[in-house]
């Protein structure tokens, strides 16, 4: 099995994102990934990478019904799809992202100029 850690180092900024879908997670994933079956897989993470003309969407999913071993790496299957940005936008109700340079903990921020 090919192993690939999720990268969060070696980037200028890293952060958090929130995504609300118009028809829900299962409808979105089933439409984007023909081999994805919500009865067989449990989504673990979705990665969205912006390209010049498109988005690359990667789904990392764990086999449904398999109990992960405590303290061990979680095995996932990777699904990959390429979408035009307008197609992706047609599934999205709300998308927001916050980036940090990792010098500070964003969870500790307090906005003072309200």
PDB file of N, CA and C in Angstrom:
ATOM      1  N   UNK A   1       0.840  -1.172   0.000  1.00  0.00           N
ATOM      2  CA  UNK A   1       0.000   0.000   0.000  1.00  0.00           C
ATOM      3  C   UNK A   1       0.891   1.242   0.000  1.00  0.00           C
ATOM      4  N   UNK A   2       0.591   2.179  -0.904  1.00  0.00           N
ATOM      5  CA  UNK A   2       1.340   3.426  -0.972  1.00  0.00           C
ATOM      6  C   UNK A   2       0.949   4.310   0.206  1.00  0.00           C
ATOM      7  N   UNK A   3       1.938   4.850   0.900  1.00  0.00           N
ATOM      8  CA  UNK A   3       1.671   5.718   2.044  1.00  0.00           C
ATOM      9  C   UNK A   3       2.065   7.140   1.693  1.00  0.00           C
ATOM     10  N   UNK A   4       1.218   8.079   2.100  1.00  0.00           N
ATOM     11  CA  UNK A   4       1.485   9.483   1.820  1.00  0.00           C
ATOM     12  C   UNK A   4       1.005  10.309   3.004  1.00  0.00           C
ATOM     13  N   UNK A   5       1.915  10.942   3.739  1.00  0.00           N
ATOM     14  CA  UNK A   5       1.474  11.784   4.858  1.00  0.00           C
ATOM     15  C   UNK A   5       0.823  13.059   4.331  1.00  0.00           C
ATOM     16  N   UNK A   6      -0.111  13.590   5.093  1.00  0.00           N
ATOM     17  CA  UNK A   6      -0.727  14.858   4.707  1.00  0.00           C
ATOM     18  C   UNK A   6       0.245  15.961   5.055  1.00  0.00           C
ATOM     19  N   UNK A   7       0.575  16.791   4.074  1.00  0.00           N
ATOM     20  CA  UNK A   7       1.593  17.805   4.283  1.00  0.00           C
ATOM     21  C   UNK A   7       1.017  19.060   4.919  1.00  0.00           C
ATOM     22  N   UNK A   8       1.700  19.580   5.929  1.00  0.00           N
ATOM     23  CA  UNK A   8       1.336  20.869   6.505  1.00  0.00           C
ATOM     24  C   UNK A   8       2.587  21.694   6.783  1.00  0.00           C
ATOM     25  N   UNK A   9       3.739  21.111   6.514  1.00  0.00           N
ATOM     26  CA  UNK A   9       4.987  21.857   6.659  1.00  0.00           C
ATOM     27  C   UNK A   9       5.463  22.271   5.275  1.00  0.00           C
ATOM     28  N   UNK A  10       6.506  23.052   5.239  1.00  0.00           N
ATOM     29  CA  UNK A  10       7.095  23.503   3.977  1.00  0.00           C
ATOM     30  C   UNK A  10       6.163  24.406   3.172  1.00  0.00           C
ATOM     31  N   UNK A  11       5.227  25.067   3.841  1.00  0.00           N
ATOM     32  CA  UNK A  11       4.347  26.020   3.184  1.00  0.00           C
ATOM     33  C   UNK A  11       4.507  27.379   3.858  1.00  0.00           C
ATOM     34  N   UNK A  12       4.288  28.440   3.116  1.00  0.00           N
ATOM     35  CA  UNK A  12       4.357  29.775   3.690  1.00  0.00           C
ATOM     36  C   UNK A  12       3.264  30.000   4.724  1.00  0.00           C
ATOM     37  N   UNK A  13       2.070  29.525   4.433  1.00  0.00           N
ATOM     38  CA  UNK A  13       0.929  29.690   5.328  1.00  0.00           C
ATOM     39  C   UNK A  13       0.161  28.378   5.418  1.00  0.00           C
ATOM     40  N   UNK A  14      -0.362  28.079   6.585  1.00  0.00           N
ATOM     41  CA  UNK A  14      -1.254  26.935   6.781  1.00  0.00           C
ATOM     42  C   UNK A  14      -2.448  27.424   7.588  1.00  0.00           C
ATOM     43  N   UNK A  15      -3.539  26.668   7.570  1.00  0.00           N
ATOM     44  CA  UNK A  15      -4.686  27.176   8.300  1.00  0.00           C
ATOM     45  C   UNK A  15      -5.856  26.235   8.387  1.00  0.00           C
ATOM     46  N   UNK A  16      -7.012  26.864   8.514  1.00  0.00           N
ATOM     47  CA  UNK A  16      -8.282  26.162   8.681  1.00  0.00           C
ATOM     48  C   UNK A  16      -9.216  26.543   7.549  1.00  0.00           C
ATOM     49  N   UNK A  17     -10.130  25.634   7.231  1.00  0.00           N
ATOM     50  CA  UNK A  17     -11.133  25.916   6.211  1.00  0.00           C
ATOM     51  C   UNK A  17     -12.478  25.364   6.665  1.00  0.00           C
ATOM     52  N   UNK A  18     -13.536  25.980   6.150  1.00  0.00           N
ATOM     53  CA  UNK A  18     -14.897  25.506   6.398  1.00  0.00           C
ATOM     54  C   UNK A  18     -15.617  25.435   5.060  1.00  0.00           C
ATOM     55  N   UNK A  19     -16.360  24.353   4.846  1.00  0.00           N
ATOM     56  CA  UNK A  19     -17.058  24.143   3.592  1.00  0.00           C
ATOM     57  C   UNK A  19     -18.455  23.611   3.885  1.00  0.00           C
ATOM     58  N   UNK A  20     -19.467  24.329   3.419  1.00  0.00           N
ATOM     59  CA  UNK A  20     -20.847  23.869   3.492  1.00  0.00           C
ATOM     60  C   UNK A  20     -21.302  23.568   2.076  1.00  0.00           C
ATOM     61  N   UNK A  21     -21.896  22.397   1.901  1.00  0.00           N
ATOM     62  CA  UNK A  21     -22.311  21.940   0.580  1.00  0.00           C
ATOM     63  C   UNK A  21     -23.824  22.045   0.422  1.00  0.00           C
ATOM     64  N   UNK A  22     -24.268  22.381  -0.777  1.00  0.00           N
ATOM     65  CA  UNK A  22     -25.696  22.565  -1.044  1.00  0.00           C
ATOM     66  C   UNK A  22     -26.498  21.294  -0.824  1.00  0.00           C
ATOM     67  N   UNK A  23     -25.980  20.154  -1.258  1.00  0.00           N
ATOM     68  CA  UNK A  23     -26.740  18.894  -1.189  1.00  0.00           C
ATOM     69  C   UNK A  23     -26.143  17.890  -0.217  1.00  0.00           C
ATOM     70  N   UNK A  24     -25.188  18.323   0.590  1.00  0.00           N
ATOM     71  CA  UNK A  24     -24.584  17.424   1.566  1.00  0.00           C
ATOM     72  C   UNK A  24     -23.339  16.728   1.063  1.00  0.00           C
ATOM     73  N   UNK A  25     -22.613  16.184   2.017  1.00  0.00           N
ATOM     74  CA  UNK A  25     -21.318  15.557   1.757  1.00  0.00           C
ATOM     75  C   UNK A  25     -21.416  14.341   0.850  1.00  0.00           C
ATOM     76  N   UNK A  26     -22.338  13.423   1.128  1.00  0.00           N
ATOM     77  CA  UNK A  26     -22.426  12.188   0.338  1.00  0.00           C
ATOM     78  C   UNK A  26     -22.792  12.470  -1.116  1.00  0.00           C
ATOM     79  N   UNK A  27     -23.714  13.396  -1.351  1.00  0.00           N
ATOM     80  CA  UNK A  27     -24.105  13.738  -2.727  1.00  0.00           C
ATOM     81  C   UNK A  27     -22.925  14.338  -3.482  1.00  0.00           C
ATOM     82  N   UNK A  28     -22.181  15.230  -2.835  1.00  0.00           N
ATOM     83  CA  UNK A  28     -21.008  15.856  -3.451  1.00  0.00           C
ATOM     84  C   UNK A  28     -19.948  14.812  -3.793  1.00  0.00           C
ATOM     85  N   UNK A  29     -19.592  13.995  -2.805  1.00  0.00           N
ATOM     86  CA  UNK A  29     -18.520  13.012  -3.014  1.00  0.00           C
ATOM     87  C   UNK A  29     -18.913  11.961  -4.044  1.00  0.00           C
ATOM     88  N   UNK A  30     -20.148  11.524  -4.033  1.00  0.00           N
ATOM     89  CA  UNK A  30     -20.605  10.531  -5.008  1.00  0.00           C
ATOM     90  C   UNK A  30     -20.603  11.092  -6.425  1.00  0.00           C
ATOM     91  N   UNK A  31     -20.906  12.383  -6.574  1.00  0.00           N
ATOM     92  CA  UNK A  31     -20.906  13.018  -7.901  1.00  0.00           C
ATOM     93  C   UNK A  31     -19.487  13.210  -8.428  1.00  0.00           C
ATOM     94  N   UNK A  32     -18.564  13.547  -7.559  1.00  0.00           N
ATOM     95  CA  UNK A  32     -17.182  13.846  -7.971  1.00  0.00           C
ATOM     96  C   UNK A  32     -16.374  12.568  -8.194  1.00  0.00           C
ATOM     97  N   UNK A  33     -16.584  11.580  -7.341  1.00  0.00           N
ATOM     98  CA  UNK A  33     -15.790  10.349  -7.385  1.00  0.00           C
ATOM     99  C   UNK A  33     -16.697   9.159  -7.678  1.00  0.00           C
ATOM    100  N   UNK A  34     -16.749   8.683  -8.924  1.00  0.00           N
ATOM    101  CA  UNK A  34     -17.642   7.579  -9.294  1.00  0.00           C
ATOM    102  C   UNK A  34     -17.399   6.297  -8.490  1.00  0.00           C
ATOM    103  N   UNK A  35     -16.179   6.059  -8.030  1.00  0.00           N
ATOM    104  CA  UNK A  35     -15.859   4.841  -7.282  1.00  0.00           C
ATOM    105  C   UNK A  35     -16.122   4.976  -5.789  1.00  0.00           C
ATOM    106  N   UNK A  36     -16.526   6.159  -5.341  1.00  0.00           N
ATOM    107  CA  UNK A  36     -16.818   6.371  -3.919  1.00  0.00           C
ATOM    108  C   UNK A  36     -18.222   5.878  -3.607  1.00  0.00           C
ATOM    109  N   UNK A  37     -18.352   5.103  -2.554  1.00  0.00           N
ATOM    110  CA  UNK A  37     -19.644   4.600  -2.102  1.00  0.00           C
ATOM    111  C   UNK A  37     -19.749   4.901  -0.611  1.00  0.00           C
ATOM    112  N   UNK A  38     -20.701   5.752  -0.198  1.00  0.00           N
ATOM    113  CA  UNK A  38     -20.809   6.114   1.216  1.00  0.00           C
ATOM    114  C   UNK A  38     -21.145   4.932   2.129  1.00  0.00           C
ATOM    115  N   UNK A  39     -21.593   3.814   1.556  1.00  0.00           N
ATOM    116  CA  UNK A  39     -21.843   2.608   2.355  1.00  0.00           C
ATOM    117  C   UNK A  39     -20.530   1.883   2.670  1.00  0.00           C
ATOM    118  N   UNK A  40     -19.514   2.104   1.823  1.00  0.00           N
ATOM    119  CA  UNK A  40     -18.229   1.394   1.984  1.00  0.00           C
ATOM    120  C   UNK A  40     -17.133   2.237   2.616  1.00  0.00           C
ATOM    121  N   UNK A  41     -17.258   3.587   2.539  1.00  0.00           N
ATOM    122  CA  UNK A  41     -16.182   4.449   3.005  1.00  0.00           C
ATOM    123  C   UNK A  41     -16.699   5.565   3.912  1.00  0.00           C
ATOM    124  N   UNK A  42     -15.843   5.976   4.843  1.00  0.00           N
ATOM    125  CA  UNK A  42     -16.115   7.101   5.721  1.00  0.00           C
ATOM    126  C   UNK A  42     -15.086   8.186   5.388  1.00  0.00           C
ATOM    127  N   UNK A  43     -15.537   9.369   4.962  1.00  0.00           N
ATOM    128  CA  UNK A  43     -14.586  10.441   4.631  1.00  0.00           C
ATOM    129  C   UNK A  43     -13.756  10.842   5.854  1.00  0.00           C
ATOM    130  N   UNK A  44     -12.460  10.994   5.643  1.00  0.00           N
ATOM    131  CA  UNK A  44     -11.553  11.442   6.693  1.00  0.00           C
ATOM    132  C   UNK A  44     -11.110  12.870   6.407  1.00  0.00           C
ATOM    133  N   UNK A  45     -10.756  13.152   5.159  1.00  0.00           N
ATOM    134  CA  UNK A  45     -10.288  14.492   4.779  1.00  0.00           C
ATOM    135  C   UNK A  45     -10.541  14.727   3.293  1.00  0.00           C
ATOM    136  N   UNK A  46     -10.775  15.979   2.955  1.00  0.00           N
ATOM    137  CA  UNK A  46     -10.895  16.396   1.558  1.00  0.00           C
ATOM    138  C   UNK A  46      -9.858  17.493   1.341  1.00  0.00           C
ATOM    139  N   UNK A  47      -9.063  17.327   0.315  1.00  0.00           N
ATOM    140  CA  UNK A  47      -8.021  18.305  -0.020  1.00  0.00           C
ATOM    141  C   UNK A  47      -8.410  18.988  -1.325  1.00  0.00           C
ATOM    142  N   UNK A  48      -8.369  20.311  -1.339  1.00  0.00           N
ATOM    143  CA  UNK A  48      -8.676  21.095  -2.529  1.00  0.00           C
ATOM    144  C   UNK A  48      -7.407  21.842  -2.925  1.00  0.00           C
ATOM    145  N   UNK A  49      -6.914  21.596  -4.130  1.00  0.00           N
ATOM    146  CA  UNK A  49      -5.706  22.267  -4.628  1.00  0.00           C
ATOM    147  C   UNK A  49      -6.080  23.076  -5.867  1.00  0.00           C
ATOM    148  N   UNK A  50      -5.744  24.356  -5.854  1.00  0.00           N
ATOM    149  CA  UNK A  50      -6.041  25.238  -6.972  1.00  0.00           C
ATOM    150  C   UNK A  50      -4.954  25.115  -8.021  1.00  0.00           C
ATOM    151  N   UNK A  51      -5.361  24.855  -9.260  1.00  0.00           N
ATOM    152  CA  UNK A  51      -4.444  24.850 -10.387  1.00  0.00           C
ATOM    153  C   UNK A  51      -4.699  26.071 -11.240  1.00  0.00           C
ATOM    154  N   UNK A  52      -4.045  26.157 -12.375  1.00  0.00           N
ATOM    155  CA  UNK A  52      -4.203  27.321 -13.256  1.00  0.00           C
ATOM    156  C   UNK A  52      -5.632  27.434 -13.790  1.00  0.00           C
ATOM    157  N   UNK A  53      -6.183  26.331 -14.258  1.00  0.00           N
ATOM    158  CA  UNK A  53      -7.509  26.349 -14.870  1.00  0.00           C
ATOM    159  C   UNK A  53      -8.533  25.475 -14.152  1.00  0.00           C
ATOM    160  N   UNK A  54      -8.131  24.808 -13.096  1.00  0.00           N
ATOM    161  CA  UNK A  54      -9.019  23.835 -12.469  1.00  0.00           C
ATOM    162  C   UNK A  54      -8.678  23.638 -10.996  1.00  0.00           C
ATOM    163  N   UNK A  55      -9.470  22.827 -10.348  1.00  0.00           N
ATOM    164  CA  UNK A  55      -9.207  22.395  -8.978  1.00  0.00           C
ATOM    165  C   UNK A  55      -8.948  20.899  -8.988  1.00  0.00           C
ATOM    166  N   UNK A  56      -8.038  20.469  -8.158  1.00  0.00           N
ATOM    167  CA  UNK A  56      -7.850  19.045  -7.928  1.00  0.00           C
ATOM    168  C   UNK A  56      -8.442  18.753  -6.561  1.00  0.00           C
ATOM    169  N   UNK A  57      -9.376  17.830  -6.526  1.00  0.00           N
ATOM    170  CA  UNK A  57     -10.035  17.443  -5.289  1.00  0.00           C
ATOM    171  C   UNK A  57      -9.559  16.041  -4.937  1.00  0.00           C
ATOM    172  N   UNK A  58      -9.063  15.875  -3.730  1.00  0.00           N
ATOM    173  CA  UNK A  58      -8.647  14.555  -3.258  1.00  0.00           C
ATOM    174  C   UNK A  58      -9.452  14.215  -2.008  1.00  0.00           C
ATOM    175  N   UNK A  59     -10.001  13.034  -1.993  1.00  0.00           N
ATOM    176  CA  UNK A  59     -10.731  12.522  -0.844  1.00  0.00           C
ATOM    177  C   UNK A  59      -9.900  11.407  -0.229  1.00  0.00           C
ATOM    178  N   UNK A  60      -9.716  11.481   1.068  1.00  0.00           N
ATOM    179  CA  UNK A  60      -9.066  10.418   1.824  1.00  0.00           C
ATOM    180  C   UNK A  60     -10.152   9.772   2.675  1.00  0.00           C
ATOM    181  N   UNK A  61     -10.442   8.496   2.432  1.00  0.00           N
ATOM    182  CA  UNK A  61     -11.561   7.832   3.097  1.00  0.00           C
ATOM    183  C   UNK A  61     -11.112   6.524   3.735  1.00  0.00           C
ATOM    184  N   UNK A  62     -11.671   6.265   4.902  1.00  0.00           N
ATOM    185  CA  UNK A  62     -11.396   5.038   5.652  1.00  0.00           C
ATOM    186  C   UNK A  62     -12.501   4.033   5.360  1.00  0.00           C
ATOM    187  N   UNK A  63     -12.153   2.767   5.328  1.00  0.00           N
ATOM    188  CA  UNK A  63     -13.146   1.716   5.072  1.00  0.00           C
ATOM    189  C   UNK A  63     -14.183   1.690   6.194  1.00  0.00           C
ATOM    190  N   UNK A  64     -15.454   1.777   5.828  1.00  0.00           N
ATOM    191  CA  UNK A  64     -16.540   1.753   6.806  1.00  0.00           C
ATOM    192  C   UNK A  64     -16.528   0.420   7.555  1.00  0.00           C
ATOM    193  N   UNK A  65     -16.759   0.480   8.831  1.00  0.00           N
ATOM    194  CA  UNK A  65     -16.815  -0.730   9.638  1.00  0.00           C
ATOM    195  C   UNK A  65     -15.475  -1.201  10.171  1.00  0.00           C
ATOM    196  N   UNK A  66     -14.381  -0.680   9.628  1.00  0.00           N
ATOM    197  CA  UNK A  66     -13.053  -1.044  10.132  1.00  0.00           C
ATOM    198  C   UNK A  66     -12.701  -0.154  11.311  1.00  0.00           C
ATOM    199  N   UNK A  67     -12.375  -0.768  12.419  1.00  0.00           N
ATOM    200  CA  UNK A  67     -11.974  -0.008  13.601  1.00  0.00           C
ATOM    201  C   UNK A  67     -10.488   0.324  13.496  1.00  0.00           C
ATOM    202  N   UNK A  68     -10.132   1.625  13.575  1.00  0.00           N
ATOM    203  CA  UNK A  68      -8.706   1.970  13.548  1.00  0.00           C
ATOM    204  C   UNK A  68      -8.013   1.478  14.823  1.00  0.00           C
ATOM    205  N   UNK A  69      -6.784   1.059  14.676  1.00  0.00           N
ATOM    206  CA  UNK A  69      -5.998   0.602  15.810  1.00  0.00           C
ATOM    207  C   UNK A  69      -5.460   1.800  16.579  1.00  0.00           C
ATOM    208  N   UNK A  70      -5.635   1.809  17.871  1.00  0.00           N
ATOM    209  CA  UNK A  70      -5.159   2.896  18.712  1.00  0.00           C
ATOM    210  C   UNK A  70      -3.647   3.046  18.584  1.00  0.00           C
ATOM    211  N   UNK A  71      -3.210   4.267  18.341  1.00  0.00           N
ATOM    212  CA  UNK A  71      -1.785   4.550  18.252  1.00  0.00           C
ATOM    213  C   UNK A  71      -1.153   4.242  16.910  1.00  0.00           C
ATOM    214  N   UNK A  72      -1.895   3.661  15.995  1.00  0.00           N
ATOM    215  CA  UNK A  72      -1.353   3.342  14.677  1.00  0.00           C
ATOM    216  C   UNK A  72      -1.882   4.316  13.634  1.00  0.00           C
ATOM    217  N   UNK A  73      -1.192   4.405  12.511  1.00  0.00           N
ATOM    218  CA  UNK A  73      -1.630   5.258  11.414  1.00  0.00           C
ATOM    219  C   UNK A  73      -2.972   4.765  10.892  1.00  0.00           C
ATOM    220  N   UNK A  74      -3.820   5.701  10.503  1.00  0.00           N
ATOM    221  CA  UNK A  74      -5.142   5.371   9.977  1.00  0.00           C
ATOM    222  C   UNK A  74      -5.032   5.089   8.478  1.00  0.00           C
ATOM    223  N   UNK A  75      -5.309   3.864   8.036  1.00  0.00           N
ATOM    224  CA  UNK A  75      -5.231   3.570   6.599  1.00  0.00           C
ATOM    225  C   UNK A  75      -6.421   4.202   5.863  1.00  0.00           C
ATOM    226  N   UNK A  76      -6.126   4.873   4.766  1.00  0.00           N
ATOM    227  CA  UNK A  76      -7.170   5.505   3.961  1.00  0.00           C
ATOM    228  C   UNK A  76      -6.959   5.193   2.485  1.00  0.00           C
ATOM    229  N   UNK A  77      -8.049   5.257   1.737  1.00  0.00           N
ATOM    230  CA  UNK A  77      -7.994   5.135   0.281  1.00  0.00           C
ATOM    231  C   UNK A  77      -8.077   6.553  -0.273  1.00  0.00           C
ATOM    232  N   UNK A  78      -7.285   6.839  -1.283  1.00  0.00           N
ATOM    233  CA  UNK A  78      -7.279   8.167  -1.895  1.00  0.00           C
ATOM    234  C   UNK A  78      -8.084   8.134  -3.195  1.00  0.00           C
ATOM    235  N   UNK A  79      -9.036   9.057  -3.295  1.00  0.00           N
ATOM    236  CA  UNK A  79      -9.808   9.283  -4.518  1.00  0.00           C
ATOM    237  C   UNK A  79      -9.372  10.649  -5.045  1.00  0.00           C
ATOM    238  N   UNK A  80      -9.250  10.781  -6.356  1.00  0.00           N
ATOM    239  CA  UNK A  80      -8.776  12.043  -6.921  1.00  0.00           C
ATOM    240  C   UNK A  80      -9.641  12.427  -8.112  1.00  0.00           C
ATOM    241  N   UNK A  81      -9.997  13.716  -8.179  1.00  0.00           N
ATOM    242  CA  UNK A  81     -10.778  14.219  -9.292  1.00  0.00           C
ATOM    243  C   UNK A  81     -10.347  15.622  -9.669  1.00  0.00           C
ATOM    244  N   UNK A  82     -10.578  16.001 -10.899  1.00  0.00           N
ATOM    245  CA  UNK A  82     -10.254  17.342 -11.395  1.00  0.00           C
ATOM    246  C   UNK A  82     -11.548  18.005 -11.830  1.00  0.00           C
ATOM    247  N   UNK A  83     -11.773  19.212 -11.323  1.00  0.00           N
ATOM    248  CA  UNK A  83     -13.007  19.947 -11.619  1.00  0.00           C
ATOM    249  C   UNK A  83     -12.691  21.352 -12.102  1.00  0.00           C
ATOM    250  N   UNK A  84     -13.520  21.857 -12.993  1.00  0.00           N
ATOM    251  CA  UNK A  84     -13.471  23.278 -13.298  1.00  0.00           C
ATOM    252  C   UNK A  84     -13.993  24.017 -12.072  1.00  0.00           C
ATOM    253  N   UNK A  85     -13.510  25.230 -11.871  1.00  0.00           N
ATOM    254  CA  UNK A  85     -13.888  25.979 -10.673  1.00  0.00           C
ATOM    255  C   UNK A  85     -15.392  26.247 -10.605  1.00  0.00           C
ATOM    256  N   UNK A  86     -16.027  26.494 -11.754  1.00  0.00           N
ATOM    257  CA  UNK A  86     -17.461  26.752 -11.730  1.00  0.00           C
ATOM    258  C   UNK A  86     -18.264  25.507 -11.361  1.00  0.00           C
ATOM    259  N   UNK A  87     -17.767  24.326 -11.713  1.00  0.00           N
ATOM    260  CA  UNK A  87     -18.431  23.080 -11.333  1.00  0.00           C
ATOM    261  C   UNK A  87     -18.337  22.897  -9.821  1.00  0.00           C
ATOM    262  N   UNK A  88     -17.144  23.106  -9.265  1.00  0.00           N
ATOM    263  CA  UNK A  88     -16.977  23.026  -7.811  1.00  0.00           C
ATOM    264  C   UNK A  88     -17.899  24.027  -7.119  1.00  0.00           C
ATOM    265  N   UNK A  89     -17.929  25.258  -7.619  1.00  0.00           N
ATOM    266  CA  UNK A  89     -18.764  26.305  -7.018  1.00  0.00           C
ATOM    267  C   UNK A  89     -20.242  25.938  -7.045  1.00  0.00           C
ATOM    268  N   UNK A  90     -20.673  25.162  -8.021  1.00  0.00           N
ATOM    269  CA  UNK A  90     -22.087  24.795  -8.105  1.00  0.00           C
ATOM    270  C   UNK A  90     -22.520  23.877  -6.955  1.00  0.00           C
ATOM    271  N   UNK A  91     -21.583  23.210  -6.296  1.00  0.00           N
ATOM    272  CA  UNK A  91     -21.884  22.348  -5.158  1.00  0.00           C
ATOM    273  C   UNK A  91     -21.795  23.081  -3.821  1.00  0.00           C
ATOM    274  N   UNK A  92     -21.175  24.256  -3.825  1.00  0.00           N
ATOM    275  CA  UNK A  92     -20.825  24.938  -2.583  1.00  0.00           C
ATOM    276  C   UNK A  92     -21.882  25.954  -2.166  1.00  0.00           C
ATOM    277  N   UNK A  93     -22.266  25.853  -0.889  1.00  0.00           N
ATOM    278  CA  UNK A  93     -23.148  26.862  -0.293  1.00  0.00           C
ATOM    279  C   UNK A  93     -22.299  27.950   0.363  1.00  0.00           C
ATOM    280  N   UNK A  94     -21.228  27.552   1.055  1.00  0.00           N
ATOM    281  CA  UNK A  94     -20.339  28.508   1.743  1.00  0.00           C
ATOM    282  C   UNK A  94     -18.943  27.903   1.827  1.00  0.00           C
ATOM    283  N   UNK A  95     -17.936  28.721   1.578  1.00  0.00           N
ATOM    284  CA  UNK A  95     -16.537  28.292   1.701  1.00  0.00           C
ATOM    285  C   UNK A  95     -15.747  29.426   2.321  1.00  0.00           C
ATOM    286  N   UNK A  96     -15.010  29.149   3.379  1.00  0.00           N
ATOM    287  CA  UNK A  96     -14.131  30.156   3.965  1.00  0.00           C
ATOM    288  C   UNK A  96     -12.844  29.479   4.412  1.00  0.00           C
ATOM    289  N   UNK A  97     -11.777  30.260   4.414  1.00  0.00           N
ATOM    290  CA  UNK A  97     -10.470  29.732   4.797  1.00  0.00           C
ATOM    291  C   UNK A  97      -9.696  30.822   5.532  1.00  0.00           C
ATOM    292  N   UNK A  98      -8.944  30.414   6.541  1.00  0.00           N
ATOM    293  CA  UNK A  98      -8.068  31.327   7.292  1.00  0.00           C
ATOM    294  C   UNK A  98      -6.671  30.740   7.303  1.00  0.00           C
ATOM    295  N   UNK A  99      -5.696  31.578   6.982  1.00  0.00           N
ATOM    296  CA  UNK A  99      -4.308  31.127   6.958  1.00  0.00           C
ATOM    297  C   UNK A  99      -3.506  31.843   8.042  1.00  0.00           C
ATOM    298  N   UNK A 100      -2.468  31.185   8.519  1.00  0.00           N
ATOM    299  CA  UNK A 100      -1.569  31.761   9.509  1.00  0.00           C
ATOM    300  C   UNK A 100      -0.138  31.424   9.107  1.00  0.00           C
ATOM    301  N   UNK A 101       0.792  32.261   9.549  1.00  0.00           N
ATOM    302  CA  UNK A 101       2.192  31.983   9.257  1.00  0.00           C
ATOM    303  C   UNK A 101       2.826  31.087  10.311  1.00  0.00           C
ATOM    304  N   UNK A 102       2.031  30.578  11.216  1.00  0.00           N
ATOM    305  CA  UNK A 102       2.457  29.622  12.243  1.00  0.00           C
ATOM    306  C   UNK A 102       3.328  30.242  13.336  1.00  0.00           C
ATOM    307  N   UNK A 103       3.477  31.579  13.347  1.00  0.00           N
ATOM    308  CA  UNK A 103       4.192  32.232  14.442  1.00  0.00           C
ATOM    309  C   UNK A 103       3.309  32.352  15.672  1.00  0.00           C
ATOM    310  N   UNK A 104       1.994  32.382  15.438  1.00  0.00           N
ATOM    311  CA  UNK A 104       1.036  32.563  16.520  1.00  0.00           C
ATOM    312  C   UNK A 104      -0.043  31.487  16.428  1.00  0.00           C
ATOM    313  N   UNK A 105      -0.709  31.241  17.540  1.00  0.00           N
ATOM    314  CA  UNK A 105      -1.821  30.301  17.576  1.00  0.00           C
ATOM    315  C   UNK A 105      -3.100  31.071  17.255  1.00  0.00           C
ATOM    316  N   UNK A 106      -3.716  30.794  16.102  1.00  0.00           N
ATOM    317  CA  UNK A 106      -4.934  31.512  15.709  1.00  0.00           C
ATOM    318  C   UNK A 106      -6.054  31.331  16.724  1.00  0.00           C
ATOM    319  N   UNK A 107      -6.051  30.227  17.446  1.00  0.00           N
ATOM    320  CA  UNK A 107      -7.097  29.990  18.426  1.00  0.00           C
ATOM    321  C   UNK A 107      -6.983  30.921  19.626  1.00  0.00           C
ATOM    322  N   UNK A 108      -5.842  31.567  19.768  1.00  0.00           N
ATOM    323  CA  UNK A 108      -5.632  32.487  20.887  1.00  0.00           C
ATOM    324  C   UNK A 108      -5.884  33.941  20.523  1.00  0.00           C
ATOM    325  N   UNK A 109      -6.285  34.212  19.268  1.00  0.00           N
ATOM    326  CA  UNK A 109      -6.513  35.594  18.830  1.00  0.00           C
ATOM    327  C   UNK A 109      -7.716  36.204  19.529  1.00  0.00           C
ATOM    328  N   UNK A 110      -7.642  37.520  19.725  1.00  0.00           N
ATOM    329  CA  UNK A 110      -8.775  38.290  20.231  1.00  0.00           C
ATOM    330  C   UNK A 110      -8.798  39.587  19.436  1.00  0.00           C
ATOM    331  N   UNK A 111      -9.833  39.811  18.650  1.00  0.00           N
ATOM    332  CA  UNK A 111      -9.952  41.019  17.836  1.00  0.00           C
ATOM    333  C   UNK A 111     -10.252  42.183  18.759  1.00  0.00           C
ATOM    334  N   UNK A 112      -9.447  43.260  18.638  1.00  0.00           N
ATOM    335  CA  UNK A 112      -9.588  44.390  19.571  1.00  0.00           C
ATOM    336  C   UNK A 112     -10.184  45.633  18.936  1.00  0.00           C
ATOM    337  N   UNK A 113     -10.353  45.684  17.635  1.00  0.00           N
ATOM    338  CA  UNK A 113     -10.847  46.905  16.967  1.00  0.00           C
ATOM    339  C   UNK A 113     -12.263  46.740  16.452  1.00  0.00           C
ATOM    340  N   UNK A 114     -13.185  46.375  17.301  1.00  0.00           N
ATOM    341  CA  UNK A 114     -14.587  46.190  16.874  1.00  0.00           C
ATOM    342  C   UNK A 114     -15.320  47.479  16.818  1.00  0.00           C
TER     343      UNK A 114
END
